[in-house]
């Protein structure tokens, strides 16, 4: 094998390595984005459910004169958030 052939093989290896890295990065980015979207949606649903439970507890306090502690417990809402919404 002469020097020219060795240079060609080295260039081919480098090109193949660069292509492989690009493919790997592309796949990794796509996988990471998909995972991030799923995680974001799950966190959004959890936060939305918590906000809804706080709203229900606040309504129970305001409309039905329930004690904030009882309303928070009944609706699985965090008491500090209920009290914050009530302005206490």
C-alpha atoms as a PDB file:
ATOM      1  CA  UNK A   1       0.000   0.000   0.000  1.00  0.00           C
ATOM      2  CA  UNK A   2       1.475   3.330  -1.017  1.00  0.00           C
ATOM      3  CA  UNK A   3       1.143   6.685   0.701  1.00  0.00           C
ATOM      4  CA  UNK A   4      -1.678   7.857  -1.573  1.00  0.00           C
ATOM      5  CA  UNK A   5      -3.799   4.804  -0.708  1.00  0.00           C
ATOM      6  CA  UNK A   6      -3.129   5.350   2.992  1.00  0.00           C
ATOM      7  CA  UNK A   7      -4.196   8.991   2.659  1.00  0.00           C
ATOM      8  CA  UNK A   8      -7.392   7.966   0.856  1.00  0.00           C
ATOM      9  CA  UNK A   9      -8.250   5.398   3.555  1.00  0.00           C
ATOM     10  CA  UNK A  10      -7.543   7.917   6.320  1.00  0.00           C
ATOM     11  CA  UNK A  11      -9.808  10.485   4.601  1.00  0.00           C
ATOM     12  CA  UNK A  12     -12.551   7.859   4.170  1.00  0.00           C
ATOM     13  CA  UNK A  13     -12.313   6.896   7.859  1.00  0.00           C
ATOM     14  CA  UNK A  14     -12.539  10.533   8.881  1.00  0.00           C
ATOM     15  CA  UNK A  15     -15.530  11.116   6.609  1.00  0.00           C
ATOM     16  CA  UNK A  16     -17.262   7.982   7.922  1.00  0.00           C
ATOM     17  CA  UNK A  17     -16.569   9.026  11.504  1.00  0.00           C
ATOM     18  CA  UNK A  18     -17.956  12.514  10.866  1.00  0.00           C
ATOM     19  CA  UNK A  19     -21.050  11.047   9.214  1.00  0.00           C
ATOM     20  CA  UNK A  20     -21.561   8.612  12.079  1.00  0.00           C
ATOM     21  CA  UNK A  21     -21.235  11.390  14.627  1.00  0.00           C
ATOM     22  CA  UNK A  22     -23.754  13.514  12.728  1.00  0.00           C
ATOM     23  CA  UNK A  23     -26.239  10.643  12.560  1.00  0.00           C
ATOM     24  CA  UNK A  24     -25.750   9.919  16.267  1.00  0.00           C
ATOM     25  CA  UNK A  25     -26.197  13.553  17.236  1.00  0.00           C
ATOM     26  CA  UNK A  26     -29.318  13.828  15.103  1.00  0.00           C
ATOM     27  CA  UNK A  27     -30.864  10.720  16.652  1.00  0.00           C
ATOM     28  CA  UNK A  28     -29.866  11.834  20.154  1.00  0.00           C
ATOM     29  CA  UNK A  29     -31.355  15.287  19.642  1.00  0.00           C
ATOM     30  CA  UNK A  30     -34.625  13.864  18.332  1.00  0.00           C
ATOM     31  CA  UNK A  31     -34.828  11.390  21.221  1.00  0.00           C
ATOM     32  CA  UNK A  32     -34.009  14.123  23.739  1.00  0.00           C
ATOM     33  CA  UNK A  33     -36.648  16.452  22.326  1.00  0.00           C
ATOM     34  CA  UNK A  34     -39.293  13.732  22.421  1.00  0.00           C
ATOM     35  CA  UNK A  35     -38.410  12.889  26.007  1.00  0.00           C
ATOM     36  CA  UNK A  36     -38.484  16.585  26.951  1.00  0.00           C
ATOM     37  CA  UNK A  37     -41.898  17.051  25.385  1.00  0.00           C
ATOM     38  CA  UNK A  38     -43.304  14.044  27.239  1.00  0.00           C
ATOM     39  CA  UNK A  39     -41.843  15.245  30.523  1.00  0.00           C
ATOM     40  CA  UNK A  40     -43.168  18.773  29.951  1.00  0.00           C
ATOM     41  CA  UNK A  41     -46.654  17.492  29.218  1.00  0.00           C
ATOM     42  CA  UNK A  42     -46.652  15.318  32.327  1.00  0.00           C
ATOM     43  CA  UNK A  43     -45.499  18.221  34.494  1.00  0.00           C
ATOM     44  CA  UNK A  44     -48.119  20.496  32.921  1.00  0.00           C
ATOM     45  CA  UNK A  45     -50.895  18.010  33.645  1.00  0.00           C
ATOM     46  CA  UNK A  46     -49.728  17.639  37.237  1.00  0.00           C
ATOM     47  CA  UNK A  47     -49.555  21.389  37.731  1.00  0.00           C
ATOM     48  CA  UNK A  48     -52.971  21.864  36.125  1.00  0.00           C
ATOM     49  CA  UNK A  49     -54.534  19.257  38.401  1.00  0.00           C
ATOM     50  CA  UNK A  50     -52.983  20.921  41.446  1.00  0.00           C
ATOM     51  CA  UNK A  51     -54.261  24.345  40.381  1.00  0.00           C
ATOM     52  CA  UNK A  52     -57.724  22.903  39.844  1.00  0.00           C
ATOM     53  CA  UNK A  53     -57.730  21.360  43.326  1.00  0.00           C
ATOM     54  CA  UNK A  54     -56.654  24.698  44.834  1.00  0.00           C
ATOM     55  CA  UNK A  55     -59.463  26.482  42.959  1.00  0.00           C
ATOM     56  CA  UNK A  56     -62.016  23.942  44.199  1.00  0.00           C
ATOM     57  CA  UNK A  57     -60.807  24.342  47.779  1.00  0.00           C
ATOM     58  CA  UNK A  58     -61.005  28.143  47.530  1.00  0.00           C
ATOM     59  CA  UNK A  59     -64.563  27.915  46.197  1.00  0.00           C
ATOM     60  CA  UNK A  60     -65.511  25.616  49.072  1.00  0.00           C
ATOM     61  CA  UNK A  61     -64.141  28.150  51.549  1.00  0.00           C
ATOM     62  CA  UNK A  62     -65.756  31.175  49.916  1.00  0.00           C
ATOM     63  CA  UNK A  63     -69.087  29.706  48.906  1.00  0.00           C
ATOM     64  CA  UNK A  64     -69.729  27.132  51.628  1.00  0.00           C
ATOM     65  CA  UNK A  65     -67.770  28.656  54.531  1.00  0.00           C
ATOM     66  CA  UNK A  66     -65.544  25.601  54.856  1.00  0.00           C
ATOM     67  CA  UNK A  67     -62.402  25.963  56.904  1.00  0.00           C
ATOM     68  CA  UNK A  68     -59.351  26.294  54.630  1.00  0.00           C
ATOM     69  CA  UNK A  69     -57.635  23.324  56.314  1.00  0.00           C
ATOM     70  CA  UNK A  70     -60.634  21.067  55.716  1.00  0.00           C
ATOM     71  CA  UNK A  71     -61.177  22.232  52.136  1.00  0.00           C
ATOM     72  CA  UNK A  72     -57.491  21.758  51.280  1.00  0.00           C
ATOM     73  CA  UNK A  73     -57.541  18.242  52.701  1.00  0.00           C
ATOM     74  CA  UNK A  74     -60.816  17.303  50.985  1.00  0.00           C
ATOM     75  CA  UNK A  75     -59.601  18.466  47.586  1.00  0.00           C
ATOM     76  CA  UNK A  76     -55.975  17.270  47.989  1.00  0.00           C
ATOM     77  CA  UNK A  77     -54.752  20.837  47.626  1.00  0.00           C
ATOM     78  CA  UNK A  78     -51.651  22.214  49.337  1.00  0.00           C
ATOM     79  CA  UNK A  79     -52.835  24.395  52.235  1.00  0.00           C
ATOM     80  CA  UNK A  80     -50.254  27.155  51.650  1.00  0.00           C
ATOM     81  CA  UNK A  81     -51.511  27.591  48.074  1.00  0.00           C
ATOM     82  CA  UNK A  82     -55.142  27.688  49.240  1.00  0.00           C
ATOM     83  CA  UNK A  83     -54.317  30.296  51.869  1.00  0.00           C
ATOM     84  CA  UNK A  84     -52.354  32.291  49.307  1.00  0.00           C
ATOM     85  CA  UNK A  85     -55.330  32.350  46.928  1.00  0.00           C
ATOM     86  CA  UNK A  86     -57.594  33.404  49.762  1.00  0.00           C
ATOM     87  CA  UNK A  87     -55.236  36.241  50.587  1.00  0.00           C
ATOM     88  CA  UNK A  88     -54.556  35.055  54.128  1.00  0.00           C
END
